[in-house]
Each structure stands twice: as structure tokens, then as C-alpha cells.
Amino acid sequence: MVSSYQTRVEKELKEICTEVIGLLGPDIKNQTEEEKGNFQPGTLLHAMKEKGRKDETMVFYLKMVGDYCRYLAEINDQKAKAFTEHYYKEAYEVATETLAETHPTRLGLALNFSVCYYEIMKKPDKACELAKKAFDGAIEKLDTLNDASYKDSTLIMQLLRDNLTLWTSEKQDGDEDPSNP
């Protein structure tokens, strides 16, 4: 019974995630890996790309595509896994060009992208590098935050730091384990 329920939930999750991703721009069901970054005409990201927009909104929606691809990758959709890193990278490039290190959207992207590296892509060193770079960059500019974004930014920074602490302790535990060569 649990297995049939899990199958049903995964099927519904796949349908919903694929639909949301398609509404935003990519057609991950039909695109090849070489076509990553191509957005279907009439979609939000296609219109934004056509207008040359590179701003917080673009970062938010690219991050959202990365997030939904990651959800699919978590249920072993290998094609979505390949797309996940691409869209997070694209969002991160735009974020580093246009958003301050302390901006909550940029920090949230760094948090999700680092979790993706750690849990989905199995690249713990890249996860730690990205999280540390985002945390260190934001901590240097903490005094520039306004009251409106201070709470959001510091909360995300705390999550980045918590992940770094956890990941580095797991790595140290793994290094000390004699059964782990």
C-alpha cells in the first residue's frame, strides 16, 4: 500500500513540477541537454530574455526553475537533474551581476544551489565553497542592510552557516572513519 501511494505521489509531483517549469519557460520533457536555456515562446522567461531583462525578477524565476527541477531530481528524474544545475548556474550568474551580496533573493539562491550541490549533485566541496562564499560576502556587507531586508537576509545567512557547520562536520566524521578510505 505504501509503495502504491508513493508511486501516486511521485507521479502527481512530476506532473505539477513539469507543468510549472513549462509555464516559466523550459520544456524539459522534450528538450535535449544541448537545448537547456531555450525558453518556449509565450512563456515568462522567454519574454524576459527577449527584452534583455537581468534583474531580481529574472533571478527569482530562474531559481524557481532550478528548484522545481531539483524536486524532480529528488524523485530520481535524471533528465531534470541535468537541468537543475544549469538553471541554478544561470540564476547565480545574473544574481552576482545585479544583486547585492546581502540581497535575500541572492542569498536564498545560494542556499538552494548549495543544497542542490550537496544532496543532488553529490558535490560537497562545491556546496561548501558556494555557501561559504555567499555567507562571507554577505557578512562583509551586513552594515549596509536596510531594516526591510535585514531579518530575511540574516535568517538565510544563519541557514547557510548551519549547513556549512553540518557539512564540514560530516566531512570530518567521514575523514576519521577508518572504514571510509
C-alpha atoms as a PDB file:
ATOM      1  CA  MET A   1       0.000   0.000   0.000  1.00  0.00           C
ATOM      2  CA  VAL A   2       2.822   2.423   0.869  1.00  0.00           C
ATOM      3  CA  SER A   3       4.535   1.691  -2.434  1.00  0.00           C
ATOM      4  CA  SER A   4       1.417   2.426  -4.488  1.00  0.00           C
ATOM      5  CA  TYR A   5       0.841   5.649  -2.545  1.00  0.00           C
ATOM      6  CA  GLN A   6       4.470   6.692  -3.080  1.00  0.00           C
ATOM      7  CA  THR A   7       4.153   5.984  -6.798  1.00  0.00           C
ATOM      8  CA  ARG A   8       0.969   8.069  -6.995  1.00  0.00           C
ATOM      9  CA  VAL A   9       2.513  10.991  -5.106  1.00  0.00           C
ATOM     10  CA  GLU A  10       5.648  10.902  -7.269  1.00  0.00           C
ATOM     11  CA  LYS A  11       3.517  10.839 -10.439  1.00  0.00           C
ATOM     12  CA  GLU A  12       1.496  13.860  -9.267  1.00  0.00           C
ATOM     13  CA  LEU A  13       4.654  15.684  -8.186  1.00  0.00           C
ATOM     14  CA  LYS A  14       6.237  15.051 -11.574  1.00  0.00           C
ATOM     15  CA  GLU A  15       3.145  16.355 -13.402  1.00  0.00           C
ATOM     16  CA  ILE A  16       2.877  19.506 -11.275  1.00  0.00           C
ATOM     17  CA  CYS A  17       6.595  20.321 -11.385  1.00  0.00           C
ATOM     18  CA  THR A  18       6.793  19.760 -15.131  1.00  0.00           C
ATOM     19  CA  GLU A  19       3.747  21.987 -15.662  1.00  0.00           C
ATOM     20  CA  VAL A  20       5.187  24.810 -13.522  1.00  0.00           C
ATOM     21  CA  ILE A  21       8.573  24.579 -15.269  1.00  0.00           C
ATOM     22  CA  GLY A  22       6.820  24.673 -18.646  1.00  0.00           C
ATOM     23  CA  LEU A  23       4.805  27.756 -17.673  1.00  0.00           C
ATOM     24  CA  LEU A  24       8.013  29.542 -16.723  1.00  0.00           C
ATOM     25  CA  GLY A  25       9.841  28.697 -19.930  1.00  0.00           C
ATOM     26  CA  PRO A  26      11.727  25.428 -20.411  1.00  0.00           C
ATOM     27  CA  ASP A  27      10.125  22.308 -21.867  1.00  0.00           C
ATOM     28  CA  ILE A  28      12.260  19.803 -20.014  1.00  0.00           C
ATOM     29  CA  LYS A  29      10.164  16.863 -21.215  1.00  0.00           C
ATOM     30  CA  ASN A  30      11.087  17.480 -24.853  1.00  0.00           C
ATOM     31  CA  GLN A  31      14.331  19.466 -24.731  1.00  0.00           C
ATOM     32  CA  THR A  32      17.716  17.857 -25.056  1.00  0.00           C
ATOM     33  CA  GLU A  33      20.591  18.817 -22.785  1.00  0.00           C
ATOM     34  CA  GLU A  34      22.002  20.946 -25.614  1.00  0.00           C
ATOM     35  CA  GLU A  35      18.764  22.955 -25.684  1.00  0.00           C
ATOM     36  CA  LYS A  36      18.961  23.931 -21.994  1.00  0.00           C
ATOM     37  CA  GLY A  37      18.387  27.642 -21.690  1.00  0.00           C
ATOM     38  CA  ASN A  38      15.913  27.769 -24.575  1.00  0.00           C
ATOM     39  CA  PHE A  39      12.544  29.004 -23.435  1.00  0.00           C
ATOM     40  CA  GLN A  40       9.271  28.246 -25.169  1.00  0.00           C
ATOM     41  CA  PRO A  41       7.708  31.225 -26.966  1.00  0.00           C
ATOM     42  CA  GLY A  42       4.918  32.842 -24.981  1.00  0.00           C
ATOM     43  CA  THR A  43       6.409  31.953 -21.598  1.00  0.00           C
ATOM     44  CA  LEU A  44       7.530  34.286 -18.866  1.00  0.00           C
ATOM     45  CA  LEU A  45      11.262  33.644 -19.131  1.00  0.00           C
ATOM     46  CA  HIS A  46      11.152  33.804 -22.941  1.00  0.00           C
ATOM     47  CA  ALA A  47       9.571  37.273 -22.773  1.00  0.00           C
ATOM     48  CA  MET A  48      12.077  38.433 -20.161  1.00  0.00           C
ATOM     49  CA  LYS A  49      15.026  37.119 -22.160  1.00  0.00           C
ATOM     50  CA  GLU A  50      13.721  38.746 -25.337  1.00  0.00           C
ATOM     51  CA  LYS A  51      13.634  42.090 -23.512  1.00  0.00           C
ATOM     52  CA  GLY A  52      17.152  41.540 -22.167  1.00  0.00           C
ATOM     53  CA  ARG A  53      15.999  41.698 -18.553  1.00  0.00           C
ATOM     54  CA  LYS A  54      18.580  40.850 -15.944  1.00  0.00           C
ATOM     55  CA  ASP A  55      17.162  41.735 -12.574  1.00  0.00           C
ATOM     56  CA  GLU A  56      15.775  40.306  -9.362  1.00  0.00           C
ATOM     57  CA  THR A  57      12.671  39.012 -11.138  1.00  0.00           C
ATOM     58  CA  MET A  58      14.773  37.095 -13.670  1.00  0.00           C
ATOM     59  CA  VAL A  59      16.865  35.616 -10.843  1.00  0.00           C
ATOM     60  CA  PHE A  60      13.724  34.646  -8.941  1.00  0.00           C
ATOM     61  CA  TYR A  61      12.164  32.791 -11.882  1.00  0.00           C
ATOM     62  CA  LEU A  62      15.397  31.073 -12.955  1.00  0.00           C
ATOM     63  CA  LYS A  63      15.861  29.972  -9.331  1.00  0.00           C
ATOM     64  CA  MET A  64      12.294  28.707  -9.360  1.00  0.00           C
ATOM     65  CA  VAL A  65      13.016  26.560 -12.442  1.00  0.00           C
ATOM     66  CA  GLY A  66      16.113  25.227 -10.672  1.00  0.00           C
ATOM     67  CA  ASP A  67      14.069  24.488  -7.546  1.00  0.00           C
ATOM     68  CA  TYR A  68      11.365  22.595  -9.437  1.00  0.00           C
ATOM     69  CA  CYS A  69      13.965  20.655 -11.419  1.00  0.00           C
ATOM     70  CA  ARG A  70      15.606  19.777  -8.084  1.00  0.00           C
ATOM     71  CA  TYR A  71      12.280  18.483  -6.752  1.00  0.00           C
ATOM     72  CA  LEU A  72      12.088  16.210  -9.792  1.00  0.00           C
ATOM     73  CA  ALA A  73      15.705  15.134  -9.317  1.00  0.00           C
ATOM     74  CA  GLU A  74      14.861  14.176  -5.741  1.00  0.00           C
ATOM     75  CA  ILE A  75      12.486  11.535  -7.130  1.00  0.00           C
ATOM     76  CA  ASN A  76      15.233  10.241  -9.448  1.00  0.00           C
ATOM     77  CA  ASP A  77      14.384  12.118 -12.639  1.00  0.00           C
ATOM     78  CA  GLN A  78      17.843  12.089 -14.242  1.00  0.00           C
ATOM     79  CA  LYS A  79      16.925  14.497 -17.029  1.00  0.00           C
ATOM     80  CA  ALA A  80      15.699  17.062 -14.508  1.00  0.00           C
ATOM     81  CA  LYS A  81      18.922  16.562 -12.552  1.00  0.00           C
ATOM     82  CA  ALA A  82      20.916  17.668 -15.597  1.00  0.00           C
ATOM     83  CA  PHE A  83      18.724  20.752 -15.986  1.00  0.00           C
ATOM     84  CA  THR A  84      18.859  21.677 -12.288  1.00  0.00           C
ATOM     85  CA  GLU A  85      22.496  22.739 -12.214  1.00  0.00           C
ATOM     86  CA  HIS A  86      22.107  24.688 -15.465  1.00  0.00           C
ATOM     87  CA  TYR A  87      19.251  26.867 -14.228  1.00  0.00           C
ATOM     88  CA  TYR A  88      20.774  27.463 -10.809  1.00  0.00           C
ATOM     89  CA  LYS A  89      24.031  28.500 -12.506  1.00  0.00           C
ATOM     90  CA  GLU A  90      22.220  30.840 -14.859  1.00  0.00           C
ATOM     91  CA  ALA A  91      20.300  32.410 -11.962  1.00  0.00           C
ATOM     92  CA  TYR A  92      23.512  32.733  -9.935  1.00  0.00           C
ATOM     93  CA  GLU A  93      25.317  34.484 -12.789  1.00  0.00           C
ATOM     94  CA  VAL A  94      22.513  37.052 -13.106  1.00  0.00           C
ATOM     95  CA  ALA A  95      22.343  37.444  -9.309  1.00  0.00           C
ATOM     96  CA  THR A  96      26.064  38.138  -8.970  1.00  0.00           C
ATOM     97  CA  GLU A  97      25.812  40.757 -11.753  1.00  0.00           C
ATOM     98  CA  THR A  98      22.726  42.543 -10.454  1.00  0.00           C
ATOM     99  CA  LEU A  99      22.029  41.891  -6.759  1.00  0.00           C
ATOM    100  CA  ALA A 100      23.958  42.874  -3.640  1.00  0.00           C
ATOM    101  CA  GLU A 101      25.653  40.120  -1.635  1.00  0.00           C
ATOM    102  CA  THR A 102      23.125  40.741   1.144  1.00  0.00           C
ATOM    103  CA  HIS A 103      20.033  40.611  -1.061  1.00  0.00           C
ATOM    104  CA  PRO A 104      17.612  37.960   0.244  1.00  0.00           C
ATOM    105  CA  THR A 105      16.908  36.589  -3.256  1.00  0.00           C
ATOM    106  CA  ARG A 106      20.632  36.145  -3.946  1.00  0.00           C
ATOM    107  CA  LEU A 107      21.196  34.544  -0.536  1.00  0.00           C
ATOM    108  CA  GLY A 108      18.185  32.242  -0.995  1.00  0.00           C
ATOM    109  CA  LEU A 109      19.535  31.188  -4.362  1.00  0.00           C
ATOM    110  CA  ALA A 110      22.956  30.450  -2.844  1.00  0.00           C
ATOM    111  CA  LEU A 111      21.265  28.403  -0.101  1.00  0.00           C
ATOM    112  CA  ASN A 112      19.185  26.316  -2.524  1.00  0.00           C
ATOM    113  CA  PHE A 113      22.007  25.931  -5.056  1.00  0.00           C
ATOM    114  CA  SER A 114      24.441  24.768  -2.355  1.00  0.00           C
ATOM    115  CA  VAL A 115      21.880  22.250  -1.058  1.00  0.00           C
ATOM    116  CA  CYS A 116      21.483  21.020  -4.639  1.00  0.00           C
ATOM    117  CA  TYR A 117      25.244  20.577  -4.973  1.00  0.00           C
ATOM    118  CA  TYR A 118      25.373  18.695  -1.687  1.00  0.00           C
ATOM    119  CA  GLU A 119      22.282  16.493  -1.874  1.00  0.00           C
ATOM    120  CA  ILE A 120      21.505  16.056  -5.566  1.00  0.00           C
ATOM    121  CA  MET A 121      24.779  16.516  -7.441  1.00  0.00           C
ATOM    122  CA  LYS A 122      26.852  14.865  -4.673  1.00  0.00           C
ATOM    123  CA  LYS A 123      29.466  17.631  -4.847  1.00  0.00           C
ATOM    124  CA  PRO A 124      30.028  18.525  -1.184  1.00  0.00           C
ATOM    125  CA  ASP A 125      33.137  20.619  -1.830  1.00  0.00           C
ATOM    126  CA  LYS A 126      31.273  22.823  -4.329  1.00  0.00           C
ATOM    127  CA  ALA A 127      28.349  23.083  -1.911  1.00  0.00           C
ATOM    128  CA  CYS A 128      30.615  24.284   0.884  1.00  0.00           C
ATOM    129  CA  GLU A 129      32.506  26.647  -1.420  1.00  0.00           C
ATOM    130  CA  LEU A 130      29.303  28.271  -2.676  1.00  0.00           C
ATOM    131  CA  ALA A 131      27.708  28.536   0.780  1.00  0.00           C
ATOM    132  CA  LYS A 132      30.899  29.953   2.319  1.00  0.00           C
ATOM    133  CA  LYS A 133      31.367  32.493  -0.478  1.00  0.00           C
ATOM    134  CA  ALA A 134      27.751  33.687  -0.124  1.00  0.00           C
ATOM    135  CA  PHE A 135      27.940  33.838   3.676  1.00  0.00           C
ATOM    136  CA  ASP A 136      31.313  35.614   3.755  1.00  0.00           C
ATOM    137  CA  GLY A 137      30.252  38.111   1.078  1.00  0.00           C
ATOM    138  CA  ALA A 138      27.072  38.953   2.954  1.00  0.00           C
ATOM    139  CA  ILE A 139      28.731  39.210   6.365  1.00  0.00           C
ATOM    140  CA  GLU A 140      31.153  41.816   4.997  1.00  0.00           C
ATOM    141  CA  LYS A 141      28.238  43.996   3.838  1.00  0.00           C
ATOM    142  CA  LEU A 142      25.912  43.371   6.765  1.00  0.00           C
ATOM    143  CA  ASP A 143      26.095  47.002   7.856  1.00  0.00           C
ATOM    144  CA  THR A 144      24.640  48.134   4.507  1.00  0.00           C
ATOM    145  CA  LEU A 145      21.331  46.299   5.046  1.00  0.00           C
ATOM    146  CA  ASN A 146      18.154  48.278   5.495  1.00  0.00           C
ATOM    147  CA  ASP A 147      15.553  47.327   8.088  1.00  0.00           C
ATOM    148  CA  ALA A 148      13.246  45.777   5.495  1.00  0.00           C
ATOM    149  CA  SER A 149      15.673  43.090   4.327  1.00  0.00           C
ATOM    150  CA  TYR A 150      17.796  42.702   7.484  1.00  0.00           C
ATOM    151  CA  LYS A 151      15.613  39.991   9.024  1.00  0.00           C
ATOM    152  CA  ASP A 152      15.270  37.975   5.796  1.00  0.00           C
ATOM    153  CA  SER A 153      18.950  38.224   4.943  1.00  0.00           C
ATOM    154  CA  THR A 154      20.202  37.296   8.389  1.00  0.00           C
ATOM    155  CA  LEU A 155      17.818  34.336   8.589  1.00  0.00           C
ATOM    156  CA  ILE A 156      19.118  32.946   5.274  1.00  0.00           C
ATOM    157  CA  MET A 157      22.703  33.629   6.372  1.00  0.00           C
ATOM    158  CA  GLN A 158      22.033  31.583   9.513  1.00  0.00           C
ATOM    159  CA  LEU A 159      20.773  28.694   7.352  1.00  0.00           C
ATOM    160  CA  LEU A 160      23.889  28.927   5.172  1.00  0.00           C
ATOM    161  CA  ARG A 161      26.084  28.845   8.276  1.00  0.00           C
ATOM    162  CA  ASP A 162      24.121  25.914   9.742  1.00  0.00           C
ATOM    163  CA  ASN A 163      24.581  23.954   6.527  1.00  0.00           C
ATOM    164  CA  LEU A 164      28.291  24.737   6.431  1.00  0.00           C
ATOM    165  CA  THR A 165      28.671  23.572  10.030  1.00  0.00           C
ATOM    166  CA  LEU A 166      26.774  20.355   9.320  1.00  0.00           C
ATOM    167  CA  TRP A 167      28.546  19.606   6.061  1.00  0.00           C
ATOM    168  CA  THR A 168      32.038  20.246   7.393  1.00  0.00           C
ATOM    169  CA  SER A 169      31.367  18.119  10.493  1.00  0.00           C
ATOM    170  CA  GLU A 170      30.067  15.298   8.271  1.00  0.00           C
ATOM    171  CA  LYS A 171      33.191  15.574   6.161  1.00  0.00           C
ATOM    172  CA  GLN A 172      35.419  15.452   9.250  1.00  0.00           C
ATOM    173  CA  ASP A 173      33.483  12.459  10.585  1.00  0.00           C
ATOM    174  CA  GLY A 174      33.919  10.738   7.212  1.00  0.00           C
ATOM    175  CA  ASP A 175      37.654  11.528   7.183  1.00  0.00           C
ATOM    176  CA  GLU A 176      38.066   9.996  10.654  1.00  0.00           C
ATOM    177  CA  ASP A 177      36.138   6.831   9.790  1.00  0.00           C
ATOM    178  CA  PRO A 178      38.710   4.061   9.161  1.00  0.00           C
ATOM    179  CA  SER A 179      36.203   2.119   7.022  1.00  0.00           C
ATOM    180  CA  ASN A 180      35.966   5.158   4.697  1.00  0.00           C
ATOM    181  CA  PRO A 181      39.146   5.166   2.568  1.00  0.00           C
END
